[in-house]
Amino acid sequence: LDNKIDNIENNLNNKIENVRTELKSDIASVSNEVALVRKDMEINKMELNSQLIKITSKLESSFKLHYWMFGTVITLFVGIF
């Protein structure tokens, strides 16, 4: 009877160890995936920042042109009337 109990205990310990090692490998794999997602997010953030800078500079130049055109039109109206 003691032999059977020891045998069952050893089997249970082996199963627990197997589950523990599987969990460790799963945790390591999830950790790697999280690191990859973080890197992708950083890259996307940098790309978004550069696109925002480009759009802002285009808008600024467009506004300068519109201000110049608006000023010219007002000057012409004042000059004519």
Protein backbone atom coordinates (compact mmCIF):
# COMPACT_ATOMS: atom_id res chain seq x y z
CA LEU A 1 0.00 0.00 0.00
CA ASP A 2 2.83 2.39 0.83
CA ASN A 3 4.43 1.56 -2.50
CA LYS A 4 1.23 2.44 -4.35
CA ILE A 5 0.89 5.72 -2.47
CA ASP A 6 4.51 6.62 -3.27
CA ASN A 7 3.95 5.71 -6.91
CA ILE A 8 0.82 7.86 -7.14
CA GLU A 9 2.60 10.72 -5.38
CA ASN A 10 5.51 10.53 -7.84
CA ASN A 11 3.11 10.49 -10.79
CA LEU A 12 1.28 13.49 -9.39
CA ASN A 13 4.55 15.36 -8.80
CA ASN A 14 5.65 14.60 -12.37
CA LYS A 15 2.36 15.90 -13.75
CA ILE A 16 2.64 19.03 -11.64
CA GLU A 17 6.18 19.61 -12.92
CA ASN A 18 5.04 19.14 -16.52
CA VAL A 19 2.26 21.67 -16.06
CA ARG A 20 4.67 24.07 -14.37
CA THR A 21 7.18 23.87 -17.24
CA GLU A 22 4.40 24.30 -19.81
CA LEU A 23 3.14 27.37 -17.97
CA LYS A 24 6.64 28.83 -17.82
CA SER A 25 7.09 28.38 -21.56
CA ASP A 26 3.65 29.87 -22.23
CA ILE A 27 4.46 32.86 -20.04
CA ALA A 28 7.76 33.36 -21.86
CA SER A 29 6.01 33.21 -25.23
CA VAL A 30 3.36 35.74 -24.13
CA SER A 31 6.09 37.99 -22.79
CA ASN A 32 7.86 37.90 -26.16
CA GLU A 33 4.62 38.72 -27.97
CA VAL A 34 3.96 41.65 -25.63
CA ALA A 35 7.46 42.97 -26.33
CA LEU A 36 6.82 42.74 -30.08
CA VAL A 37 3.51 44.57 -29.75
CA ARG A 38 5.21 47.31 -27.73
CA LYS A 39 7.87 47.72 -30.43
CA ASP A 40 5.17 47.91 -33.11
CA MET A 41 3.31 50.53 -31.07
CA GLU A 42 6.46 52.63 -30.73
CA ILE A 43 7.10 52.42 -34.48
CA ASN A 44 3.49 53.38 -35.22
CA LYS A 45 3.74 56.26 -32.76
CA MET A 46 6.85 57.61 -34.49
CA GLU A 47 5.23 57.26 -37.92
CA LEU A 48 2.10 59.06 -36.69
CA ASN A 49 4.20 61.86 -35.23
CA SER A 50 6.06 62.34 -38.51
CA GLN A 51 2.78 62.38 -40.46
CA LEU A 52 1.33 64.96 -38.06
CA ILE A 53 4.39 67.15 -38.51
CA LYS A 54 4.06 66.94 -42.30
CA ILE A 55 0.35 67.80 -42.20
CA THR A 56 0.95 70.69 -39.79
CA SER A 57 3.64 72.19 -42.01
CA LYS A 58 1.39 71.86 -45.08
CA LEU A 59 -1.47 73.58 -43.25
CA GLU A 60 0.80 76.38 -42.07
CA SER A 61 2.04 77.06 -45.60
CA SER A 62 -1.52 76.88 -46.94
CA PHE A 63 -2.73 79.33 -44.29
CA LYS A 64 0.10 81.73 -45.14
CA LEU A 65 -0.95 81.61 -48.79
CA HIS A 66 -4.60 82.19 -47.92
CA TYR A 67 -3.73 85.10 -45.62
CA TRP A 68 -1.66 86.65 -48.40
CA MET A 69 -4.47 86.17 -50.93
CA PHE A 70 -7.07 87.56 -48.51
CA GLY A 71 -4.89 90.59 -47.81
CA THR A 72 -4.43 91.18 -51.54
CA VAL A 73 -8.18 90.98 -52.19
CA ILE A 74 -8.92 93.43 -49.35
CA THR A 75 -6.26 95.80 -50.69
CA LEU A 76 -7.77 95.66 -54.17
CA PHE A 77 -11.28 96.32 -52.85
CA VAL A 78 -10.07 99.25 -50.76
CA GLY A 79 -8.15 100.58 -53.77
CA ILE A 80 -11.12 100.26 -56.13
CA PHE A 81 -13.81 101.64 -53.82
